Amino acid sequence: MYVLLDIDGVMVPAQSWKSPEFLQDGFPVFSSQSIAALQKIIDQTGATLVLTSSHKSSYSIPEWKDIFKLRGINTSMIERLPANNLNLNRREEILNWYHMRNRANDQIAILDDDKSLNALPAEIKQYLVMPSPMIGLTNELADHAISILQAGPVISA
């Protein structure tokens, strides 16, 4: 099981009227609501987090584990999409990951507020859970992601 996870707009809601708060590691604070929702997904599914965020290559995997731990998220399974050296949009990055790693039989949820993902092919878009960037990940969206992961892949005829 994989949760493709964006950070900005999912874990860190966009608040244009104020600067984000940072922890001692120099990374923004995650909203408490988003922390609880993501931990619920991890606890109920055991999913591996796959970072899709534009920040994904700014830190090593051990540093990402520390970032999540410092924010109260307990997970040991973190991966990330490859560095985006070709400046692909998020949709293209996810499609490449999906097809290059032959993920058609995997259980996947995509947690991302990037509107380009609305153009994903239907067989992949069915895994998309899109928070409002001003609110971020909620308990209700976590429940939806869990139901997607527990349902497993839907193979189109």
Protein backbone atom coordinates (compact mmCIF):
# COMPACT_ATOMS: atom_id res chain seq x y z
CA MET A 1 0.00 0.00 0.00
CA TYR A 2 1.21 3.44 -0.91
CA VAL A 3 0.10 6.94 0.03
CA LEU A 4 1.46 9.49 -2.42
CA LEU A 5 1.75 12.55 -0.20
CA ASP A 6 2.08 16.21 -1.02
CA ILE A 7 3.04 18.52 1.85
CA ASP A 8 1.98 22.10 0.99
CA GLY A 9 -1.81 22.35 0.99
CA VAL A 10 -2.18 18.86 2.48
CA MET A 11 -0.11 18.80 5.67
CA VAL A 12 0.60 22.55 5.72
CA PRO A 13 -2.59 24.44 4.79
CA ALA A 14 -2.05 27.57 2.70
CA GLN A 15 -2.56 30.68 4.78
CA SER A 16 -1.60 33.61 2.55
CA TRP A 17 -2.40 36.14 5.26
CA LYS A 18 0.42 34.93 7.53
CA SER A 19 3.87 33.41 7.32
CA PRO A 20 4.09 29.73 8.17
CA GLU A 21 5.48 28.71 11.52
CA PHE A 22 8.67 26.61 11.39
CA LEU A 23 10.07 24.04 13.81
CA GLN A 24 13.74 23.82 14.79
CA ASP A 25 14.48 21.65 11.73
CA GLY A 26 13.59 24.60 9.48
CA PHE A 27 10.51 22.92 7.99
CA PRO A 28 6.95 24.25 8.42
CA VAL A 29 4.65 23.03 11.16
CA PHE A 30 1.97 20.57 10.01
CA SER A 31 -1.60 21.30 11.08
CA SER A 32 -2.78 19.20 14.03
CA GLN A 33 -5.82 18.11 12.02
CA SER A 34 -3.61 16.89 9.16
CA ILE A 35 -1.25 15.09 11.55
CA ALA A 36 -4.14 13.18 13.14
CA ALA A 37 -5.63 12.34 9.74
CA LEU A 38 -2.36 11.07 8.26
CA GLN A 39 -1.56 9.04 11.37
CA LYS A 40 -5.02 7.47 11.15
CA ILE A 41 -4.30 6.40 7.56
CA ILE A 42 -0.92 4.95 8.53
CA ASP A 43 -2.30 3.17 11.61
CA GLN A 44 -5.24 1.60 9.78
CA THR A 45 -3.43 0.61 6.58
CA GLY A 46 0.30 0.33 7.26
CA ALA A 47 0.86 2.23 4.01
CA THR A 48 4.25 3.44 2.84
CA LEU A 49 4.42 7.21 2.34
CA VAL A 50 5.72 8.28 -1.07
CA LEU A 51 6.56 11.97 -1.04
CA THR A 52 5.42 13.87 -4.12
CA SER A 53 6.03 17.33 -2.68
CA SER A 54 8.27 19.83 -4.41
CA HIS A 55 10.34 19.56 -1.19
CA LYS A 56 10.92 15.82 -1.70
CA SER A 57 14.54 16.10 -2.86
CA SER A 58 15.52 18.77 -0.35
CA TYR A 59 15.99 16.19 2.40
CA SER A 60 17.31 12.64 2.65
CA ILE A 61 14.94 9.83 3.64
CA PRO A 62 16.39 9.75 7.20
CA GLU A 63 15.84 13.52 7.43
CA TRP A 64 12.24 13.10 6.23
CA LYS A 65 11.68 10.45 8.89
CA ASP A 66 12.93 12.93 11.49
CA ILE A 67 10.69 15.69 10.07
CA PHE A 68 7.62 13.46 10.40
CA LYS A 69 8.66 12.18 13.84
CA LEU A 70 9.20 15.72 15.18
CA ARG A 71 5.64 16.53 14.07
CA GLY A 72 4.18 13.50 15.86
CA ILE A 73 3.74 11.19 12.87
CA ASN A 74 4.96 7.66 13.48
CA THR A 75 6.05 5.98 10.28
CA SER A 76 9.18 4.14 9.28
CA MET A 77 8.24 3.60 5.65
CA ILE A 78 8.96 6.68 3.56
CA GLU A 79 9.94 6.86 -0.08
CA ARG A 80 9.88 9.71 -2.56
CA LEU A 81 9.38 10.29 -6.24
CA PRO A 82 12.64 10.74 -8.16
CA ALA A 83 14.11 14.23 -8.39
CA ASN A 84 12.15 16.26 -10.92
CA ASN A 85 15.08 17.17 -13.18
CA LEU A 86 12.82 17.46 -16.24
CA ASN A 87 10.48 19.97 -14.52
CA LEU A 88 7.43 17.78 -15.03
CA ASN A 89 4.11 18.78 -13.52
CA ARG A 90 2.78 16.68 -10.65
CA ARG A 91 0.46 14.70 -12.92
CA GLU A 92 3.38 13.69 -15.15
CA GLU A 93 5.55 12.80 -12.16
CA ILE A 94 2.86 10.53 -10.72
CA LEU A 95 2.14 8.92 -14.08
CA ASN A 96 5.85 8.17 -14.53
CA TRP A 97 6.06 6.62 -11.05
CA TYR A 98 2.92 4.58 -11.65
CA HIS A 99 3.94 3.22 -15.04
CA MET A 100 7.70 2.84 -14.50
CA ARG A 101 7.15 0.81 -11.37
CA ASN A 102 4.17 -1.13 -12.73
CA ARG A 103 1.85 -0.10 -9.88
CA ALA A 104 -1.38 -1.26 -11.54
CA ASN A 105 -1.82 -4.03 -8.96
CA ASP A 106 -0.88 -1.93 -5.92
CA GLN A 107 -3.19 -0.26 -3.44
CA ILE A 108 -2.66 3.50 -3.79
CA ALA A 109 -4.11 6.71 -2.42
CA ILE A 110 -2.94 10.09 -3.73
CA LEU A 111 -3.22 12.95 -1.21
CA ASP A 112 -2.57 16.12 -3.15
CA ASP A 113 -4.16 19.53 -3.79
CA ASP A 114 -2.53 19.99 -7.23
CA LYS A 115 -5.27 20.72 -9.76
CA SER A 116 -3.24 19.15 -12.60
CA LEU A 117 -4.18 15.79 -11.07
CA ASN A 118 -7.76 16.27 -12.24
CA ALA A 119 -6.38 15.34 -15.68
CA LEU A 120 -5.08 11.94 -14.52
CA PRO A 121 -6.43 8.97 -16.49
CA ALA A 122 -9.55 7.53 -14.83
CA GLU A 123 -7.78 4.34 -13.74
CA ILE A 124 -5.38 6.43 -11.62
CA LYS A 125 -7.65 9.37 -10.77
CA GLN A 126 -9.89 6.97 -8.81
CA TYR A 127 -7.15 6.98 -6.13
CA LEU A 128 -7.08 10.78 -5.78
CA VAL A 129 -8.09 12.47 -2.53
CA MET A 130 -7.84 16.24 -3.04
CA PRO A 131 -7.94 18.44 0.06
CA SER A 132 -8.76 22.11 -0.08
CA PRO A 133 -5.35 23.81 0.11
CA MET A 134 -6.70 26.26 2.70
CA ILE A 135 -7.82 23.41 4.99
CA GLY A 136 -5.49 20.49 4.32
CA LEU A 137 -6.04 16.85 5.14
CA THR A 138 -9.11 16.18 7.32
CA ASN A 139 -10.49 13.18 9.18
CA GLU A 140 -13.18 12.76 6.52
CA LEU A 141 -10.59 12.75 3.74
CA ALA A 142 -8.53 10.26 5.75
CA ASP A 143 -11.55 7.96 5.90
CA HIS A 144 -11.92 8.28 2.13
CA ALA A 145 -8.23 7.46 1.59
CA ILE A 146 -8.52 4.44 3.90
CA SER A 147 -11.53 3.16 1.96
CA ILE A 148 -9.60 3.55 -1.31
CA LEU A 149 -6.62 1.66 0.11
CA GLN A 150 -8.74 -1.10 1.61
CA ALA A 151 -10.75 -1.55 -1.60
CA GLY A 152 -7.58 -2.32 -3.52
CA PRO A 153 -6.89 -1.72 -7.18
CA VAL A 154 -9.81 -1.46 -9.55
CA ILE A 155 -8.84 -2.96 -12.87
CA SER A 156 -10.73 -1.47 -15.80
CA ALA A 157 -12.01 -3.78 -18.46
